[in-house]
Amino acid sequence: MVTAQPQTTLSQSDDVRICRICKALSNPVRMQIMRYVLQNPDCIGNMILLHLPDDAPRAQSTLSQHLRVLRDAGLLEAEGDGPAICYRVNQESLAWLREQLATFDA
């Protein structure tokens, strides 16, 4: 006999947040940025640019756009000013996303 799992109801704002995070992670370069920042907390933007794969765009402006999308989605936190901005992964956002995605487990 299979017992039904209790249904967790997500609010519309939770759905919007999940979609924003998933959209941010849907770009392969942004996934590579997230992996690099996870392995190198408090890294500076220029270091991220240097460690992207050879086939990734190398323009600083492109990196800035990717970082902005990740920050707007709540996945990255930034501290500092100008060229010396340090980035770290927002662990609370990742934990929240894991919890929300676990509700899809049947």
N, C-alpha and C. Protein backbone atom coordinates (compact mmCIF):
# COMPACT_ATOMS: atom_id res chain seq x y z
N MET A 1 0.84 -1.18 0.00
CA MET A 1 0.00 0.00 0.00
C MET A 1 0.88 1.24 0.00
N VAL A 2 0.59 2.16 -0.88
CA VAL A 2 1.35 3.40 -0.99
C VAL A 2 0.59 4.50 -0.29
N THR A 3 1.28 5.19 0.60
CA THR A 3 0.64 6.31 1.28
C THR A 3 0.97 7.59 0.56
N ALA A 4 0.01 8.45 0.48
CA ALA A 4 0.20 9.73 -0.22
C ALA A 4 1.03 10.67 0.63
N GLN A 5 1.93 11.35 -0.03
CA GLN A 5 2.74 12.36 0.64
C GLN A 5 1.88 13.62 0.80
N PRO A 6 2.06 14.35 1.88
CA PRO A 6 1.30 15.60 2.02
C PRO A 6 1.69 16.58 0.92
N GLN A 7 0.72 17.24 0.39
CA GLN A 7 0.94 18.21 -0.68
C GLN A 7 1.43 19.53 -0.07
N THR A 8 2.46 20.07 -0.66
CA THR A 8 2.95 21.38 -0.24
C THR A 8 2.49 22.38 -1.28
N THR A 9 1.80 23.39 -0.86
CA THR A 9 1.30 24.40 -1.78
C THR A 9 2.27 25.56 -1.81
N LEU A 10 2.73 25.86 -3.00
CA LEU A 10 3.63 27.00 -3.19
C LEU A 10 2.81 28.22 -3.55
N SER A 11 3.23 29.35 -3.06
CA SER A 11 2.56 30.59 -3.41
C SER A 11 2.99 31.02 -4.80
N GLN A 12 2.25 31.94 -5.35
CA GLN A 12 2.60 32.47 -6.68
C GLN A 12 3.98 33.13 -6.64
N SER A 13 4.30 33.79 -5.54
CA SER A 13 5.62 34.43 -5.46
C SER A 13 6.73 33.39 -5.39
N ASP A 14 6.46 32.23 -4.76
CA ASP A 14 7.44 31.14 -4.76
C ASP A 14 7.65 30.63 -6.18
N ASP A 15 6.55 30.47 -6.91
CA ASP A 15 6.66 30.01 -8.30
C ASP A 15 7.49 30.98 -9.14
N VAL A 16 7.26 32.26 -8.95
CA VAL A 16 8.01 33.28 -9.70
C VAL A 16 9.48 33.19 -9.33
N ARG A 17 9.78 33.02 -8.06
CA ARG A 17 11.18 32.93 -7.62
C ARG A 17 11.86 31.69 -8.20
N ILE A 18 11.16 30.55 -8.17
CA ILE A 18 11.72 29.34 -8.76
C ILE A 18 12.01 29.55 -10.24
N CYS A 19 11.08 30.14 -10.96
CA CYS A 19 11.27 30.39 -12.39
C CYS A 19 12.45 31.32 -12.65
N ARG A 20 12.59 32.36 -11.84
CA ARG A 20 13.71 33.30 -12.00
C ARG A 20 15.05 32.59 -11.78
N ILE A 21 15.11 31.75 -10.76
CA ILE A 21 16.35 31.02 -10.47
C ILE A 21 16.65 30.04 -11.59
N CYS A 22 15.64 29.29 -12.01
CA CYS A 22 15.87 28.31 -13.08
C CYS A 22 16.28 28.98 -14.38
N LYS A 23 15.67 30.12 -14.68
CA LYS A 23 16.05 30.85 -15.89
C LYS A 23 17.50 31.32 -15.78
N ALA A 24 17.89 31.80 -14.62
CA ALA A 24 19.28 32.25 -14.44
C ALA A 24 20.25 31.09 -14.63
N LEU A 25 19.88 29.90 -14.17
CA LEU A 25 20.76 28.74 -14.27
C LEU A 25 20.68 28.04 -15.63
N SER A 26 19.78 28.49 -16.49
CA SER A 26 19.60 27.81 -17.77
C SER A 26 20.68 28.13 -18.79
N ASN A 27 21.55 29.07 -18.48
CA ASN A 27 22.64 29.43 -19.38
C ASN A 27 23.91 28.70 -18.96
N PRO A 28 24.57 27.98 -19.89
CA PRO A 28 25.77 27.22 -19.52
C PRO A 28 26.89 28.07 -18.93
N VAL A 29 27.06 29.28 -19.39
CA VAL A 29 28.12 30.14 -18.84
C VAL A 29 27.79 30.49 -17.40
N ARG A 30 26.53 30.78 -17.12
CA ARG A 30 26.15 31.10 -15.74
C ARG A 30 26.32 29.88 -14.83
N MET A 31 26.06 28.70 -15.34
CA MET A 31 26.31 27.48 -14.56
C MET A 31 27.81 27.37 -14.25
N GLN A 32 28.65 27.67 -15.21
CA GLN A 32 30.10 27.61 -14.99
C GLN A 32 30.52 28.66 -13.98
N ILE A 33 29.92 29.83 -14.04
CA ILE A 33 30.22 30.88 -13.06
C ILE A 33 29.83 30.41 -11.66
N MET A 34 28.65 29.83 -11.52
CA MET A 34 28.20 29.34 -10.22
C MET A 34 29.16 28.27 -9.68
N ARG A 35 29.57 27.34 -10.52
CA ARG A 35 30.51 26.30 -10.08
C ARG A 35 31.82 26.92 -9.61
N TYR A 36 32.32 27.89 -10.38
CA TYR A 36 33.59 28.52 -10.01
C TYR A 36 33.46 29.25 -8.67
N VAL A 37 32.38 30.01 -8.51
CA VAL A 37 32.20 30.78 -7.27
C VAL A 37 31.97 29.84 -6.08
N LEU A 38 31.29 28.73 -6.29
CA LEU A 38 31.13 27.75 -5.21
C LEU A 38 32.48 27.22 -4.74
N GLN A 39 33.38 27.00 -5.68
CA GLN A 39 34.70 26.47 -5.34
C GLN A 39 35.67 27.55 -4.88
N ASN A 40 35.37 28.80 -5.19
CA ASN A 40 36.26 29.92 -4.88
C ASN A 40 35.47 31.07 -4.26
N PRO A 41 34.99 30.88 -3.03
CA PRO A 41 34.19 31.95 -2.41
C PRO A 41 35.00 33.24 -2.29
N ASP A 42 34.29 34.33 -2.35
CA ASP A 42 34.88 35.67 -2.26
C ASP A 42 35.85 35.94 -3.39
N CYS A 43 35.57 35.37 -4.57
CA CYS A 43 36.43 35.64 -5.71
C CYS A 43 36.05 36.98 -6.34
N ILE A 44 36.98 37.56 -7.04
CA ILE A 44 36.79 38.84 -7.71
C ILE A 44 36.38 38.57 -9.15
N GLY A 45 35.52 39.43 -9.69
CA GLY A 45 34.98 39.24 -11.03
C GLY A 45 36.01 38.93 -12.09
N ASN A 46 37.15 39.61 -12.06
CA ASN A 46 38.18 39.36 -13.07
C ASN A 46 38.71 37.93 -12.99
N MET A 47 38.76 37.35 -11.79
CA MET A 47 39.22 35.97 -11.65
C MET A 47 38.20 35.01 -12.27
N ILE A 48 36.93 35.33 -12.14
CA ILE A 48 35.89 34.50 -12.78
C ILE A 48 36.11 34.51 -14.28
N LEU A 49 36.33 35.68 -14.82
CA LEU A 49 36.52 35.82 -16.27
C LEU A 49 37.71 34.99 -16.74
N LEU A 50 38.78 34.98 -15.99
CA LEU A 50 39.98 34.23 -16.37
C LEU A 50 39.77 32.72 -16.32
N HIS A 51 38.84 32.26 -15.51
CA HIS A 51 38.65 30.82 -15.32
C HIS A 51 37.46 30.24 -16.09
N LEU A 52 36.85 31.04 -16.93
CA LEU A 52 35.79 30.49 -17.78
C LEU A 52 36.42 29.65 -18.88
N PRO A 53 35.69 28.65 -19.37
CA PRO A 53 36.23 27.82 -20.45
C PRO A 53 36.57 28.64 -21.70
N ASP A 54 37.42 28.09 -22.53
CA ASP A 54 37.88 28.80 -23.73
C ASP A 54 36.75 29.21 -24.65
N ASP A 55 35.67 28.44 -24.70
CA ASP A 55 34.58 28.76 -25.62
C ASP A 55 33.59 29.78 -25.04
N ALA A 56 33.81 30.23 -23.81
CA ALA A 56 32.92 31.23 -23.19
C ALA A 56 33.31 32.63 -23.66
N PRO A 57 32.31 33.51 -23.78
CA PRO A 57 32.62 34.90 -24.15
C PRO A 57 33.57 35.53 -23.14
N ARG A 58 34.50 36.31 -23.61
CA ARG A 58 35.54 36.89 -22.74
C ARG A 58 35.37 38.38 -22.47
N ALA A 59 34.30 38.98 -22.93
CA ALA A 59 34.11 40.41 -22.70
C ALA A 59 33.68 40.67 -21.26
N GLN A 60 34.27 41.66 -20.64
CA GLN A 60 33.92 42.03 -19.28
C GLN A 60 32.44 42.41 -19.18
N SER A 61 31.94 43.08 -20.22
CA SER A 61 30.53 43.49 -20.20
C SER A 61 29.60 42.28 -20.21
N THR A 62 29.98 41.23 -20.94
CA THR A 62 29.17 40.01 -20.97
C THR A 62 29.18 39.33 -19.60
N LEU A 63 30.36 39.26 -18.99
CA LEU A 63 30.45 38.69 -17.64
C LEU A 63 29.59 39.48 -16.68
N SER A 64 29.64 40.80 -16.77
CA SER A 64 28.85 41.65 -15.88
C SER A 64 27.36 41.36 -16.03
N GLN A 65 26.91 41.14 -17.27
CA GLN A 65 25.50 40.81 -17.49
C GLN A 65 25.14 39.48 -16.83
N HIS A 66 26.00 38.47 -16.99
CA HIS A 66 25.74 37.17 -16.38
C HIS A 66 25.72 37.29 -14.85
N LEU A 67 26.65 38.02 -14.29
CA LEU A 67 26.70 38.21 -12.83
C LEU A 67 25.45 38.94 -12.34
N ARG A 68 24.99 39.91 -13.10
CA ARG A 68 23.78 40.65 -12.72
C ARG A 68 22.56 39.73 -12.70
N VAL A 69 22.44 38.86 -13.70
CA VAL A 69 21.31 37.92 -13.74
C VAL A 69 21.35 37.00 -12.51
N LEU A 70 22.53 36.50 -12.18
CA LEU A 70 22.68 35.61 -11.02
C LEU A 70 22.39 36.34 -9.71
N ARG A 71 22.81 37.59 -9.64
CA ARG A 71 22.53 38.39 -8.43
C ARG A 71 21.04 38.70 -8.34
N ASP A 72 20.42 39.09 -9.45
CA ASP A 72 18.99 39.41 -9.45
C ASP A 72 18.14 38.20 -9.07
N ALA A 73 18.62 37.00 -9.42
CA ALA A 73 17.90 35.78 -9.07
C ALA A 73 18.15 35.38 -7.62
N GLY A 74 19.04 36.09 -6.94
CA GLY A 74 19.34 35.79 -5.54
C GLY A 74 20.35 34.68 -5.34
N LEU A 75 21.03 34.28 -6.42
CA LEU A 75 21.99 33.18 -6.32
C LEU A 75 23.38 33.63 -5.90
N LEU A 76 23.74 34.86 -6.23
CA LEU A 76 25.05 35.39 -5.86
C LEU A 76 24.88 36.62 -4.99
N GLU A 77 25.82 36.79 -4.09
CA GLU A 77 25.93 38.01 -3.30
C GLU A 77 27.21 38.70 -3.70
N ALA A 78 27.23 39.99 -3.65
CA ALA A 78 28.42 40.75 -4.03
C ALA A 78 28.74 41.76 -2.94
N GLU A 79 30.03 41.95 -2.75
CA GLU A 79 30.48 42.91 -1.75
C GLU A 79 31.68 43.65 -2.33
N GLY A 80 31.71 44.95 -2.12
CA GLY A 80 32.82 45.74 -2.62
C GLY A 80 32.34 46.76 -3.62
N ASP A 81 33.33 47.37 -4.27
CA ASP A 81 33.02 48.46 -5.18
C ASP A 81 33.99 48.43 -6.35
N GLY A 82 33.53 48.87 -7.50
CA GLY A 82 34.40 48.97 -8.67
C GLY A 82 34.88 47.62 -9.14
N PRO A 83 36.13 47.55 -9.58
CA PRO A 83 36.64 46.30 -10.14
C PRO A 83 36.93 45.22 -9.11
N ALA A 84 36.92 45.58 -7.83
CA ALA A 84 37.26 44.61 -6.79
C ALA A 84 36.03 44.07 -6.06
N ILE A 85 34.98 43.78 -6.82
CA ILE A 85 33.78 43.21 -6.21
C ILE A 85 34.00 41.73 -5.97
N CYS A 86 33.75 41.31 -4.73
CA CYS A 86 33.89 39.90 -4.36
C CYS A 86 32.53 39.23 -4.45
N TYR A 87 32.51 38.03 -5.02
CA TYR A 87 31.26 37.29 -5.19
C TYR A 87 31.27 36.03 -4.35
N ARG A 88 30.10 35.69 -3.84
CA ARG A 88 29.93 34.41 -3.14
C ARG A 88 28.52 33.92 -3.43
N VAL A 89 28.35 32.60 -3.35
CA VAL A 89 27.05 32.00 -3.58
C VAL A 89 26.17 32.23 -2.36
N ASN A 90 24.94 32.57 -2.60
CA ASN A 90 23.96 32.73 -1.53
C ASN A 90 23.46 31.34 -1.16
N GLN A 91 24.03 30.78 -0.11
CA GLN A 91 23.70 29.42 0.30
C GLN A 91 22.25 29.28 0.73
N GLU A 92 21.68 30.33 1.29
CA GLU A 92 20.27 30.29 1.71
C GLU A 92 19.36 30.12 0.50
N SER A 93 19.68 30.79 -0.60
CA SER A 93 18.87 30.66 -1.82
C SER A 93 18.97 29.25 -2.39
N LEU A 94 20.18 28.69 -2.37
CA LEU A 94 20.34 27.32 -2.88
C LEU A 94 19.57 26.33 -2.01
N ALA A 95 19.63 26.50 -0.70
CA ALA A 95 18.90 25.61 0.21
C ALA A 95 17.39 25.74 -0.02
N TRP A 96 16.93 26.97 -0.20
CA TRP A 96 15.51 27.21 -0.46
C TRP A 96 15.09 26.52 -1.75
N LEU A 97 15.90 26.64 -2.80
CA LEU A 97 15.58 26.01 -4.08
C LEU A 97 15.53 24.49 -3.94
N ARG A 98 16.49 23.92 -3.21
CA ARG A 98 16.47 22.46 -2.98
C ARG A 98 15.17 22.03 -2.31
N GLU A 99 14.76 22.78 -1.30
CA GLU A 99 13.52 22.46 -0.58
C GLU A 99 12.31 22.52 -1.51
N GLN A 100 12.26 23.57 -2.33
CA GLN A 100 11.12 23.73 -3.24
C GLN A 100 11.09 22.62 -4.28
N LEU A 101 12.25 22.29 -4.82
CA LEU A 101 12.29 21.24 -5.84
C LEU A 101 11.99 19.86 -5.26
N ALA A 102 12.26 19.70 -3.97
CA ALA A 102 11.94 18.43 -3.31
C ALA A 102 10.44 18.20 -3.26
N THR A 103 9.65 19.26 -3.34
CA THR A 103 8.19 19.08 -3.31
C THR A 103 7.69 18.43 -4.60
N PHE A 104 8.52 18.41 -5.64
CA PHE A 104 8.15 17.77 -6.89
C PHE A 104 8.39 16.27 -6.85
N ASP A 105 9.07 15.81 -5.82
CA ASP A 105 9.38 14.38 -5.69
C ASP A 105 8.11 13.62 -5.37
N ALA A 106 7.80 12.67 -6.21
CA ALA A 106 6.55 11.92 -6.01
C ALA A 106 6.79 10.64 -5.24
